[in-house]
Structures are given as C-alpha cells and as structure tokens.
Amino acid sequence: MRYEQLADIPCSITRPLVLLGDRWTLLILKESFAGVRRFNMFRAHLGIPRSRLQDRLTRLVEHGVLARQQADDGEHPEYRLTRKGHDLYPILMAIRDWGDTHMAPDGPPVHYRHTGCEGEAHTSLECDSCGTRLSAHDVTPEAGPGLLVHADQRIVETH
C-alpha cells in the first residue's frame, strides 16, 4: 500500500500519521510551539533543506494546522499555530515523556514547567467517565461510527 493511500483507511491513528508521520513535520511543530514563525528561522533552527521545509509548511497549512499570514512588519510571512495545531501539543508532550523515560540517560534535557506553580507538565491517559488512569491493558477498542460507515460502503461496493 502506498503512503498516500493510508489516508483512506478509517483509522484515527493511521490518518494523522499521513500528515505527521515524518520527523521534519514534528520538529517544525516543536519549533512552532517554541515561538518560531518565520521560514528562515525554521531553517536556522532545524537545518532542513529549503524545499523540504516548504513542502512540510505547505502541507501543514493545507491541513489547517498552521496558518500563513503576514507578519506585523508586513515584510515576511509567518506561520502560526491554529486551534487544530494547538491540539497537537499533548502528542508532542507524550513523545517527550517517552523520550525522557527511555532515551535520556543523563536525565531530561528540558523541564516543561507549569507556569502557575512550577510543577512539571506530563501527559496521562484517563477514562472520560470515571477519571481512572489507563494503560493499554485497560482499553478495549470497538468499532465506532466511522468504521461502520466504511464497512457498509464496502458491502455495497461488492454487491
């Protein structure tokens, strides 16, 4: 199966990976959350080739994760996180938590502090009904409406 065809699979893990599944996209998002907004600053911070950066920025804008707009100085365009983009923050923090635990032998390179109390920010998975913290052992996937619609379409196509 080609990479682009993955976007047609009715799976809310697979579909986002088509957009977010390469290192450059995630690093651009990391820099965006750190306040980087201009093309040349992304290049300077990441060392990414111009064409690859333009491709990733264009894709993020097309998908509504970033918005391209003129800077206050009116000379340069800026790329700003949209609401959809801000909703990706927990994903980056989950990757960071995993990296701190499994790939930082000398300890976390950066602490992400809660501005209000100086505590450390971490991600967690919990039940939306009872609030219990969950792991993979506590979750049972079941078909949702998006999968059922897709299955109904397949039945119609085969008859």
Protein backbone atom coordinates (compact mmCIF):
# COMPACT_ATOMS: atom_id res chain seq x y z
CA MET A 1 0.00 0.00 0.00
CA ARG A 2 1.33 3.44 -0.95
CA TYR A 3 1.83 6.03 1.78
CA GLU A 4 -0.84 8.36 0.33
CA GLN A 5 -3.43 5.56 0.36
CA LEU A 6 -3.15 5.35 4.14
CA ALA A 7 -5.31 8.49 4.36
CA ASP A 8 -8.26 6.43 3.09
CA ILE A 9 -8.07 3.89 5.92
CA PRO A 10 -10.79 4.57 8.51
CA CYS A 11 -8.41 4.78 11.47
CA SER A 12 -7.81 7.83 13.65
CA ILE A 13 -4.21 6.77 14.27
CA THR A 14 -3.31 5.98 10.65
CA ARG A 15 -4.84 9.09 9.05
CA PRO A 16 -2.93 11.62 11.19
CA LEU A 17 0.29 9.72 10.51
CA VAL A 18 -0.05 10.60 6.82
CA LEU A 19 0.30 14.25 7.85
CA LEU A 20 2.51 13.96 10.95
CA GLY A 21 4.46 10.79 10.33
CA ASP A 22 7.88 12.19 9.46
CA ARG A 23 10.50 13.76 11.70
CA TRP A 24 10.56 17.13 9.93
CA THR A 25 6.87 17.77 10.46
CA LEU A 26 7.09 17.00 14.17
CA LEU A 27 10.23 19.14 14.53
CA ILE A 28 8.52 22.05 12.74
CA LEU A 29 5.64 21.71 15.20
CA LYS A 30 8.06 21.59 18.14
CA GLU A 31 9.66 24.82 16.93
CA SER A 32 6.24 26.39 16.36
CA PHE A 33 5.32 25.75 19.99
CA ALA A 34 8.63 27.37 20.96
CA GLY A 35 7.60 30.54 19.11
CA VAL A 36 9.32 30.12 15.73
CA ARG A 37 7.15 31.62 12.99
CA ARG A 38 9.34 32.56 10.02
CA PHE A 39 10.67 30.34 7.26
CA ASN A 40 14.31 31.36 7.74
CA MET A 41 14.13 30.77 11.49
CA PHE A 42 12.80 27.24 10.94
CA ARG A 43 15.72 26.66 8.56
CA ALA A 44 18.25 28.09 11.02
CA HIS A 45 16.93 26.07 13.97
CA LEU A 46 16.45 22.78 12.12
CA GLY A 47 18.99 22.76 9.28
CA ILE A 48 16.24 21.46 7.00
CA PRO A 49 16.58 21.81 3.20
CA ARG A 50 14.50 24.69 1.76
CA SER A 51 12.36 22.51 -0.49
CA ARG A 52 11.56 20.04 2.27
CA LEU A 53 10.67 22.85 4.69
CA GLN A 54 8.42 24.48 2.10
CA ASP A 55 6.72 21.15 1.41
CA ARG A 56 6.06 20.48 5.12
CA LEU A 57 4.86 24.04 5.83
CA THR A 58 2.55 23.94 2.80
CA ARG A 59 1.08 20.61 3.92
CA LEU A 60 0.54 21.88 7.48
CA VAL A 61 -1.20 24.98 6.12
CA GLU A 62 -3.36 22.90 3.73
CA HIS A 63 -4.47 20.73 6.65
CA GLY A 64 -5.25 23.74 8.85
CA VAL A 65 -2.55 23.03 11.44
CA LEU A 66 -0.66 26.24 10.65
CA ALA A 67 -1.96 29.48 9.17
CA ARG A 68 0.23 31.53 6.84
CA GLN A 69 -0.18 35.27 7.41
CA GLN A 70 1.75 38.49 7.00
CA ALA A 71 3.92 39.46 9.95
CA ASP A 72 3.27 42.71 11.79
CA ASP A 73 6.19 44.29 9.91
CA GLY A 74 4.36 43.45 6.65
CA GLU A 75 7.56 42.17 5.02
CA HIS A 76 7.66 38.49 5.82
CA PRO A 77 5.01 35.80 6.04
CA GLU A 78 4.66 33.96 9.33
CA TYR A 79 3.36 30.52 10.15
CA ARG A 80 1.19 30.44 13.26
CA LEU A 81 -0.42 27.50 15.00
CA THR A 82 -4.18 27.29 14.59
CA ARG A 83 -6.55 25.77 17.16
CA LYS A 84 -6.10 22.48 15.30
CA GLY A 85 -2.34 22.93 15.62
CA HIS A 86 -2.52 23.69 19.34
CA ASP A 87 -4.49 20.48 19.81
CA LEU A 88 -1.30 18.58 18.81
CA TYR A 89 0.58 19.76 21.92
CA PRO A 90 -0.31 16.70 24.05
CA ILE A 91 1.07 14.44 21.30
CA LEU A 92 4.43 16.20 21.39
CA MET A 93 4.43 16.08 25.19
CA ALA A 94 3.67 12.34 25.13
CA ILE A 95 6.65 11.80 22.80
CA ARG A 96 8.77 13.96 25.12
CA ASP A 97 7.67 11.95 28.21
CA TRP A 98 8.60 8.72 26.43
CA GLY A 99 11.93 10.18 25.31
CA ASP A 100 12.75 11.38 28.84
CA THR A 101 12.00 7.91 30.20
CA HIS A 102 13.69 5.77 27.56
CA MET A 103 16.21 7.90 25.66
CA ALA A 104 17.64 10.45 28.09
CA PRO A 105 20.31 8.56 30.07
CA ASP A 106 21.54 11.77 31.73
CA GLY A 107 18.05 12.96 32.62
CA PRO A 108 15.58 15.22 30.82
CA PRO A 109 17.30 17.82 28.64
CA VAL A 110 14.42 20.27 29.21
CA HIS A 111 11.88 20.62 32.01
CA TYR A 112 8.43 21.78 30.95
CA ARG A 113 7.15 23.69 33.98
CA HIS A 114 3.59 24.69 34.79
CA THR A 115 3.77 28.49 34.80
CA GLY A 116 1.25 28.72 37.65
CA CYS A 117 3.00 26.52 40.21
CA GLU A 118 6.36 25.38 38.75
CA GLY A 119 5.27 21.72 38.67
CA GLU A 120 6.31 19.54 35.73
CA ALA A 121 3.93 19.03 32.77
CA HIS A 122 3.25 15.39 31.81
CA THR A 123 0.72 13.57 29.69
CA SER A 124 -1.60 10.90 31.01
CA LEU A 125 -4.39 8.76 29.66
CA GLU A 126 -7.60 8.63 31.66
CA CYS A 127 -11.19 7.49 31.32
CA ASP A 128 -13.54 10.34 30.35
CA SER A 129 -16.27 8.86 32.56
CA CYS A 130 -14.64 7.86 35.87
CA GLY A 131 -11.25 9.59 35.62
CA THR A 132 -9.21 6.40 36.21
CA ARG A 133 -5.68 6.48 34.76
CA LEU A 134 -5.39 3.95 31.96
CA SER A 135 -2.75 1.86 30.19
CA ALA A 136 -3.05 -0.28 27.06
CA HIS A 137 -4.12 -3.19 29.29
CA ASP A 138 -7.20 -1.22 30.42
CA VAL A 139 -8.58 -0.29 26.98
CA THR A 140 -10.68 -2.38 24.58
CA PRO A 141 -11.07 -0.99 21.03
CA GLU A 142 -14.53 -1.37 19.50
CA ALA A 143 -15.98 -0.29 16.16
CA GLY A 144 -17.17 3.30 16.01
CA PRO A 145 -19.47 5.05 13.53
CA GLY A 146 -16.62 5.95 11.14
CA LEU A 147 -15.61 2.32 10.78
CA LEU A 148 -19.18 1.09 10.50
CA VAL A 149 -19.90 3.57 7.67
CA HIS A 150 -16.76 2.39 5.87
CA ALA A 151 -17.79 -1.26 6.32
CA ASP A 152 -21.29 -0.51 4.96
CA GLN A 153 -19.71 1.13 1.88
CA ARG A 154 -17.58 -1.94 1.23
CA ILE A 155 -20.65 -4.20 1.39
CA VAL A 156 -22.47 -2.00 -1.16
CA GLU A 157 -19.41 -1.93 -3.48
CA THR A 158 -19.10 -5.74 -3.52
CA HIS A 159 -22.74 -6.37 -4.46
